[in-house]
Amino acid sequence: MHDIVVKSTYGFLVIAIIAHILVLLWKPWLQ
């Protein structure tokens, strides 16, 4: 059970980091 929580937490962090990188890449195009 604890292993599932850890994996889901790391998965969420990876998705959040990728989302932030995509936002930073797209920001210059939006301006």
PDB file of N, CA and C in Angstrom:
ATOM      1  N   MET A   1       0.844  -1.194   0.000  1.00  0.00           N
ATOM      2  CA  MET A   1       0.000   0.000   0.000  1.00  0.00           C
ATOM      3  C   MET A   1       0.879   1.244   0.000  1.00  0.00           C
ATOM      4  N   HIS A   2       1.904   1.227   0.840  1.00  0.00           N
ATOM      5  CA  HIS A   2       2.788   2.390   0.921  1.00  0.00           C
ATOM      6  C   HIS A   2       3.525   2.592  -0.398  1.00  0.00           C
ATOM      7  N   ASP A   3       3.872   1.481  -1.050  1.00  0.00           N
ATOM      8  CA  ASP A   3       4.596   1.565  -2.319  1.00  0.00           C
ATOM      9  C   ASP A   3       3.742   2.250  -3.383  1.00  0.00           C
ATOM     10  N   ILE A   4       2.437   1.978  -3.367  1.00  0.00           N
ATOM     11  CA  ILE A   4       1.533   2.597  -4.339  1.00  0.00           C
ATOM     12  C   ILE A   4       1.483   4.108  -4.117  1.00  0.00           C
ATOM     13  N   VAL A   5       1.439   4.511  -2.852  1.00  0.00           N
ATOM     14  CA  VAL A   5       1.386   5.942  -2.537  1.00  0.00           C
ATOM     15  C   VAL A   5       2.656   6.636  -3.021  1.00  0.00           C
ATOM     16  N   VAL A   6       3.797   5.994  -2.789  1.00  0.00           N
ATOM     17  CA  VAL A   6       5.075   6.587  -3.203  1.00  0.00           C
ATOM     18  C   VAL A   6       5.142   6.719  -4.721  1.00  0.00           C
ATOM     19  N   LYS A   7       4.741   5.659  -5.431  1.00  0.00           N
ATOM     20  CA  LYS A   7       4.789   5.697  -6.897  1.00  0.00           C
ATOM     21  C   LYS A   7       3.843   6.759  -7.446  1.00  0.00           C
ATOM     22  N   SER A   8       2.644   6.864  -6.884  1.00  0.00           N
ATOM     23  CA  SER A   8       1.690   7.854  -7.372  1.00  0.00           C
ATOM     24  C   SER A   8       2.198   9.268  -7.092  1.00  0.00           C
ATOM     25  N   THR A   9       2.893   9.437  -5.956  1.00  0.00           N
ATOM     26  CA  THR A   9       3.440  10.753  -5.629  1.00  0.00           C
ATOM     27  C   THR A   9       4.536  11.135  -6.614  1.00  0.00           C
ATOM     28  N   TYR A  10       5.452  10.206  -6.898  1.00  0.00           N
ATOM     29  CA  TYR A  10       6.518  10.481  -7.869  1.00  0.00           C
ATOM     30  C   TYR A  10       5.924  10.729  -9.254  1.00  0.00           C
ATOM     31  N   GLY A  11       4.899   9.963  -9.610  1.00  0.00           N
ATOM     32  CA  GLY A  11       4.247  10.149 -10.906  1.00  0.00           C
ATOM     33  C   GLY A  11       3.648  11.537 -11.018  1.00  0.00           C
ATOM     34  N   PHE A  12       3.016  12.005  -9.939  1.00  0.00           N
ATOM     35  CA  PHE A  12       2.422  13.341  -9.937  1.00  0.00           C
ATOM     36  C   PHE A  12       3.497  14.407 -10.087  1.00  0.00           C
ATOM     37  N   LEU A  13       4.633  14.220  -9.401  1.00  0.00           N
ATOM     38  CA  LEU A  13       5.732  15.186  -9.490  1.00  0.00           C
ATOM     39  C   LEU A  13       6.283  15.238 -10.908  1.00  0.00           C
ATOM     40  N   VAL A  14       6.450  14.080 -11.539  1.00  0.00           N
ATOM     41  CA  VAL A  14       6.965  14.043 -12.916  1.00  0.00           C
ATOM     42  C   VAL A  14       6.013  14.770 -13.865  1.00  0.00           C
ATOM     43  N   ILE A  15       4.712  14.502 -13.716  1.00  0.00           N
ATOM     44  CA  ILE A  15       3.723  15.158 -14.575  1.00  0.00           C
ATOM     45  C   ILE A  15       3.743  16.668 -14.348  1.00  0.00           C
ATOM     46  N   ALA A  16       3.866  17.090 -13.083  1.00  0.00           N
ATOM     47  CA  ALA A  16       3.894  18.520 -12.775  1.00  0.00           C
ATOM     48  C   ALA A  16       5.124  19.182 -13.389  1.00  0.00           C
ATOM     49  N   ILE A  17       6.276  18.511 -13.301  1.00  0.00           N
ATOM     50  CA  ILE A  17       7.508  19.070 -13.869  1.00  0.00           C
ATOM     51  C   ILE A  17       7.388  19.193 -15.387  1.00  0.00           C
ATOM     52  N   ILE A  18       6.863  18.165 -16.036  1.00  0.00           N
ATOM     53  CA  ILE A  18       6.694  18.205 -17.492  1.00  0.00           C
ATOM     54  C   ILE A  18       5.730  19.328 -17.876  1.00  0.00           C
ATOM     55  N   ALA A  19       4.651  19.480 -17.109  1.00  0.00           N
ATOM     56  CA  ALA A  19       3.683  20.533 -17.401  1.00  0.00           C
ATOM     57  C   ALA A  19       4.333  21.909 -17.285  1.00  0.00           C
ATOM     58  N   HIS A  20       5.155  22.123 -16.259  1.00  0.00           N
ATOM     59  CA  HIS A  20       5.822  23.411 -16.099  1.00  0.00           C
ATOM     60  C   HIS A  20       6.786  23.679 -17.246  1.00  0.00           C
ATOM     61  N   ILE A  21       7.506  22.641 -17.683  1.00  0.00           N
ATOM     62  CA  ILE A  21       8.436  22.806 -18.807  1.00  0.00           C
ATOM     63  C   ILE A  21       7.665  23.177 -20.076  1.00  0.00           C
ATOM     64  N   LEU A  22       6.536  22.515 -20.313  1.00  0.00           N
ATOM     65  CA  LEU A  22       5.738  22.825 -21.501  1.00  0.00           C
ATOM     66  C   LEU A  22       5.224  24.255 -21.439  1.00  0.00           C
ATOM     67  N   VAL A  23       4.815  24.710 -20.265  1.00  0.00           N
ATOM     68  CA  VAL A  23       4.331  26.088 -20.111  1.00  0.00           C
ATOM     69  C   VAL A  23       5.448  27.073 -20.417  1.00  0.00           C
ATOM     70  N   LEU A  24       6.659  26.779 -19.913  1.00  0.00           N
ATOM     71  CA  LEU A  24       7.791  27.677 -20.158  1.00  0.00           C
ATOM     72  C   LEU A  24       8.137  27.709 -21.644  1.00  0.00           C
ATOM     73  N   LEU A  25       7.999  26.570 -22.338  1.00  0.00           N
ATOM     74  CA  LEU A  25       8.313  26.521 -23.768  1.00  0.00           C
ATOM     75  C   LEU A  25       7.264  27.261 -24.592  1.00  0.00           C
ATOM     76  N   TRP A  26       5.988  27.186 -24.175  1.00  0.00           N
ATOM     77  CA  TRP A  26       4.914  27.798 -24.946  1.00  0.00           C
ATOM     78  C   TRP A  26       4.722  29.273 -24.613  1.00  0.00           C
ATOM     79  N   LYS A  27       5.246  29.732 -23.471  1.00  0.00           N
ATOM     80  CA  LYS A  27       5.014  31.107 -23.039  1.00  0.00           C
ATOM     81  C   LYS A  27       5.476  32.146 -24.066  1.00  0.00           C
ATOM     82  N   PRO A  28       6.697  32.008 -24.643  1.00  0.00           N
ATOM     83  CA  PRO A  28       7.136  32.998 -25.640  1.00  0.00           C
ATOM     84  C   PRO A  28       6.204  33.065 -26.849  1.00  0.00           C
ATOM     85  N   TRP A  29       5.573  31.935 -27.202  1.00  0.00           N
ATOM     86  CA  TRP A  29       4.689  31.925 -28.368  1.00  0.00           C
ATOM     87  C   TRP A  29       3.373  32.635 -28.070  1.00  0.00           C
ATOM     88  N   LEU A  30       2.977  32.635 -26.808  1.00  0.00           N
ATOM     89  CA  LEU A  30       1.704  33.268 -26.450  1.00  0.00           C
ATOM     90  C   LEU A  30       1.809  34.786 -26.450  1.00  0.00           C
ATOM     91  N   GLN A  31       3.012  35.307 -26.237  1.00  0.00           N
ATOM     92  CA  GLN A  31       3.155  36.758 -26.147  1.00  0.00           C
ATOM     93  C   GLN A  31       3.093  37.388 -27.526  1.00  0.00           C
TER      94      GLN A  31
END
